[in-house]
N, C-alpha and C. Protein backbone atom coordinates (compact mmCIF):
# COMPACT_ATOMS: atom_id res chain seq x y z
N PHE A 1 97.66 88.07 23.60
CA PHE A 1 96.97 89.43 24.02
C PHE A 1 96.43 90.32 23.89
N SER A 2 95.65 91.68 24.43
CA SER A 2 95.51 93.09 23.85
C SER A 2 94.95 92.90 25.56
N ARG A 3 94.93 95.19 26.08
CA ARG A 3 94.51 94.69 27.13
C ARG A 3 92.88 94.94 27.04
N PHE A 4 92.14 95.53 25.72
CA PHE A 4 90.78 95.11 25.19
C PHE A 4 90.67 93.71 26.06
N ASP A 5 91.32 92.02 25.56
CA ASP A 5 90.92 91.16 26.09
C ASP A 5 91.54 90.86 27.33
N LEU A 6 91.81 91.49 28.38
CA LEU A 6 91.93 91.16 29.37
C LEU A 6 91.18 91.53 30.33
N VAL A 7 91.28 93.41 29.67
CA VAL A 7 89.22 94.23 30.41
C VAL A 7 89.21 93.36 29.90
N GLN A 8 87.94 92.92 28.99
CA GLN A 8 86.49 92.30 28.84
C GLN A 8 86.68 90.94 29.82
N HIS A 9 87.57 90.54 30.45
CA HIS A 9 87.12 89.33 30.70
C HIS A 9 87.03 89.79 32.05
N LEU A 10 88.03 90.68 32.36
CA LEU A 10 87.99 90.59 34.34
C LEU A 10 86.05 92.11 34.24
N GLU A 11 85.98 92.52 33.13
CA GLU A 11 84.35 93.36 33.17
C GLU A 11 83.06 91.77 33.04
N SER A 12 83.56 91.45 32.02
CA SER A 12 82.08 90.15 32.02
C SER A 12 82.32 88.78 33.58
N ARG A 13 83.45 89.51 34.13
CA ARG A 13 83.45 88.93 35.51
C ARG A 13 82.84 90.02 36.58
N ARG A 14 81.86 91.15 36.62
CA ARG A 14 81.82 91.69 37.75
C ARG A 14 82.96 92.49 38.03
N ILE A 15 84.67 92.87 37.60
CA ILE A 15 85.30 93.18 38.53
C ILE A 15 85.78 94.63 37.19
N ALA A 16 85.68 95.71 37.94
CA ALA A 16 85.33 97.26 36.46
C ALA A 16 86.60 97.88 36.90
N THR A 17 86.65 97.39 36.05
CA THR A 17 88.37 98.66 34.95
C THR A 17 88.05 99.61 34.67
N ARG A 18 89.19 101.16 34.67
CA ARG A 18 89.04 101.88 34.23
C ARG A 18 90.27 101.88 33.67
N GLN A 19 90.22 103.16 31.98
CA GLN A 19 91.93 103.38 31.59
C GLN A 19 92.79 104.11 32.18
N LEU A 20 93.67 104.08 32.21
CA LEU A 20 94.70 104.60 33.27
C LEU A 20 94.37 106.55 32.66
N PHE A 21 94.12 107.63 33.45
CA PHE A 21 94.01 108.54 33.48
C PHE A 21 95.00 109.25 32.51
N GLY A 22 94.53 110.05 31.43
CA GLY A 22 95.54 110.35 30.39
C GLY A 22 96.72 109.76 29.82
N GLY A 23 97.23 108.92 30.64
CA GLY A 23 98.38 108.46 29.57
C GLY A 23 99.11 109.53 29.43
N ASN A 24 99.71 109.62 28.17
CA ASN A 24 100.71 110.38 27.65
C ASN A 24 99.94 111.46 27.27
N LEU A 25 100.48 112.38 28.20
CA LEU A 25 99.31 113.38 28.57
C LEU A 25 99.61 114.66 27.15
N MET A 26 100.82 114.64 26.63
CA MET A 26 100.99 115.80 26.05
C MET A 26 100.25 115.54 24.40
N ARG A 27 99.04 114.69 24.59
CA ARG A 27 98.18 114.12 23.04
C ARG A 27 97.15 114.01 23.49
N GLN A 28 96.74 115.19 25.41
CA GLN A 28 95.16 115.08 25.69
C GLN A 28 95.08 116.14 25.22
N PRO A 29 93.77 116.17 25.07
CA PRO A 29 93.25 117.70 24.10
C PRO A 29 92.75 118.48 24.53
N ALA A 30 93.14 118.49 25.98
CA ALA A 30 93.08 119.97 27.29
C ALA A 30 94.98 120.79 27.18
N TYR A 31 95.39 119.57 26.63
CA TYR A 31 97.11 120.56 26.77
C TYR A 31 97.75 120.49 25.15
N LEU A 32 96.49 120.89 24.48
CA LEU A 32 97.29 121.23 23.06
C LEU A 32 98.02 122.80 22.62
N ASP A 33 96.69 123.06 24.15
CA ASP A 33 97.86 124.15 23.63
C ASP A 33 98.31 125.29 25.07
N MET A 34 98.29 123.89 25.65
CA MET A 34 99.67 124.32 26.80
C MET A 34 101.19 124.50 26.77
N PRO A 35 102.03 126.67 27.03
CA PRO A 35 102.96 125.66 26.86
C PRO A 35 103.73 124.79 27.47
N HIS A 36 104.99 123.87 26.42
CA HIS A 36 104.89 122.69 27.48
C HIS A 36 106.36 122.12 26.11
N ARG A 37 107.14 121.31 27.28
CA ARG A 37 108.20 120.81 26.64
C ARG A 37 108.10 119.98 26.55
N ALA A 38 108.56 119.30 25.60
CA ALA A 38 109.10 117.82 25.09
C ALA A 38 110.71 118.25 24.28
N VAL A 39 110.96 116.54 25.20
CA VAL A 39 112.51 116.97 23.92
C VAL A 39 113.00 115.44 23.29
N GLY A 40 111.52 115.42 21.93
CA GLY A 40 111.63 114.47 21.62
C GLY A 40 110.31 113.17 21.72
N PRO A 41 110.13 112.26 21.50
CA PRO A 41 108.99 111.17 21.42
C PRO A 41 108.73 110.59 22.96
N MET A 42 107.82 110.55 23.18
CA MET A 42 108.19 109.91 24.24
C MET A 42 107.57 107.97 24.55
N PRO A 43 108.07 107.69 23.73
CA PRO A 43 107.11 106.01 23.11
C PRO A 43 106.67 105.09 24.67
N ASN A 44 107.74 105.37 25.40
CA ASN A 44 107.12 104.76 27.10
C ASN A 44 105.75 105.79 27.71
N ALA A 45 105.56 106.86 27.46
CA ALA A 45 104.26 107.50 28.11
C ALA A 45 103.71 106.62 26.62
N ASP A 46 103.99 106.38 25.61
CA ASP A 46 102.38 105.95 24.41
C ASP A 46 102.25 104.72 24.93
N ILE A 47 103.13 103.91 25.46
CA ILE A 47 103.05 102.48 26.15
C ILE A 47 102.49 102.03 27.24
N ILE A 48 102.29 103.12 28.19
CA ILE A 48 101.83 102.62 28.77
C ILE A 48 100.08 103.77 29.00
N MET A 49 100.49 105.20 27.92
CA MET A 49 98.51 104.93 27.32
C MET A 49 98.14 104.03 27.02
N ASP A 50 98.64 102.72 26.53
CA ASP A 50 98.12 101.91 25.02
C ASP A 50 97.79 101.03 25.88
N GLY A 51 98.33 100.45 27.05
CA GLY A 51 98.52 99.24 27.31
C GLY A 51 98.05 99.32 29.32
N THR A 52 97.61 100.20 29.20
CA THR A 52 97.49 99.52 30.97
C THR A 52 95.91 99.78 30.96
N PHE A 53 95.75 99.75 32.20
CA PHE A 53 94.04 100.12 33.36
C PHE A 53 94.52 99.92 34.45
N TRP A 54 93.65 100.10 34.98
CA TRP A 54 93.30 99.96 36.77
C TRP A 54 92.12 98.69 37.12
N ILE A 55 92.09 98.64 37.86
CA ILE A 55 91.08 97.59 38.25
C ILE A 55 90.49 98.24 39.58
N GLY A 56 89.03 97.71 39.52
CA GLY A 56 88.03 98.85 41.34
C GLY A 56 89.36 98.15 42.35
N VAL A 57 90.07 99.22 42.77
CA VAL A 57 90.87 99.30 44.15
C VAL A 57 89.72 99.93 44.87
N TYR A 58 89.20 99.55 46.26
CA TYR A 58 89.11 100.69 47.33
C TYR A 58 89.22 99.80 49.51
N PRO A 59 88.63 100.62 49.81
CA PRO A 59 89.21 100.71 50.86
C PRO A 59 88.19 99.31 51.82
N ALA A 60 87.17 98.71 51.43
CA ALA A 60 85.94 98.22 51.59
C ALA A 60 86.41 96.66 51.37
N LEU A 61 87.37 96.42 49.48
CA LEU A 61 87.83 95.51 49.47
C LEU A 61 88.20 93.93 50.83
N THR A 62 87.24 93.11 50.82
CA THR A 62 87.61 92.77 51.67
C THR A 62 88.89 91.51 50.88
N ASP A 63 89.39 90.39 51.58
CA ASP A 63 90.53 89.53 51.04
C ASP A 63 89.60 89.12 49.76
N GLU A 64 88.38 87.96 50.72
CA GLU A 64 87.65 87.36 49.88
C GLU A 64 87.50 87.94 47.69
N MET A 65 87.13 88.86 48.25
CA MET A 65 87.40 89.86 46.99
C MET A 65 88.48 90.40 45.78
N LEU A 66 89.85 90.19 46.78
CA LEU A 66 91.32 90.56 46.07
C LEU A 66 91.41 89.22 45.50
N GLY A 67 90.84 88.07 46.51
CA GLY A 67 91.19 86.40 45.70
C GLY A 67 90.23 86.44 45.26
N TYR A 68 89.27 86.26 44.15
CA TYR A 68 88.18 86.33 43.36
C TYR A 68 88.75 87.31 42.32
N MET A 69 89.92 88.31 42.22
CA MET A 69 90.16 89.11 41.36
C MET A 69 91.21 88.58 40.32
N VAL A 70 91.76 87.84 42.20
CA VAL A 70 93.24 87.75 41.58
C VAL A 70 93.18 85.97 40.78
N ASP A 71 92.10 85.35 40.68
CA ASP A 71 91.79 84.25 40.75
C ASP A 71 91.29 84.52 39.14
N ARG A 72 90.75 85.69 38.48
CA ARG A 72 90.39 86.01 37.17
C ARG A 72 90.94 86.22 36.39
N ILE A 73 92.36 86.38 37.47
CA ILE A 73 93.46 86.83 36.72
C ILE A 73 94.63 86.13 35.96
N HIS A 74 94.88 85.06 36.78
CA HIS A 74 94.85 83.38 36.74
C HIS A 74 94.22 83.04 35.67
N GLU A 75 92.80 82.85 35.97
CA GLU A 75 91.55 81.76 34.89
C GLU A 75 92.07 82.66 33.04
N PHE A 76 92.47 83.97 33.13
CA PHE A 76 92.82 84.76 32.20
C PHE A 76 94.15 83.89 31.02
N ALA A 77 94.73 84.30 32.47
CA ALA A 77 96.62 83.94 31.93
C ALA A 77 96.61 82.42 31.64
N ARG A 78 95.94 81.78 32.13
CA ARG A 78 95.73 80.86 31.93
C ARG A 78 95.04 79.68 30.10
N THR A 79 94.46 80.88 29.53
CA THR A 79 93.52 81.06 28.11
C THR A 79 94.88 81.80 27.18
N VAL A 80 95.90 82.11 27.41
CA VAL A 80 96.80 82.60 26.42
C VAL A 80 98.43 82.21 26.60
N ILE A 81 98.40 81.62 28.06
CA ILE A 81 99.97 81.49 28.03
C ILE A 81 99.68 79.60 27.10
């Protein structure tokens, strides 16, 4: 499965997601002209950029809301395992 598959599953169940900010910052247009030093490629940063996301979290989440999110993730996992 892909990140997109899981994100789509969660979003369709009203669980907000966002892509991880930046990921590999060396690939962000804002940093292209900034002086920096990179020793070789950064494959782990690319993996994080391509494969991770945030789920909606904030201090007012209740245990019931958190349980709902966990249940939806388990629901998705059962379809791909």
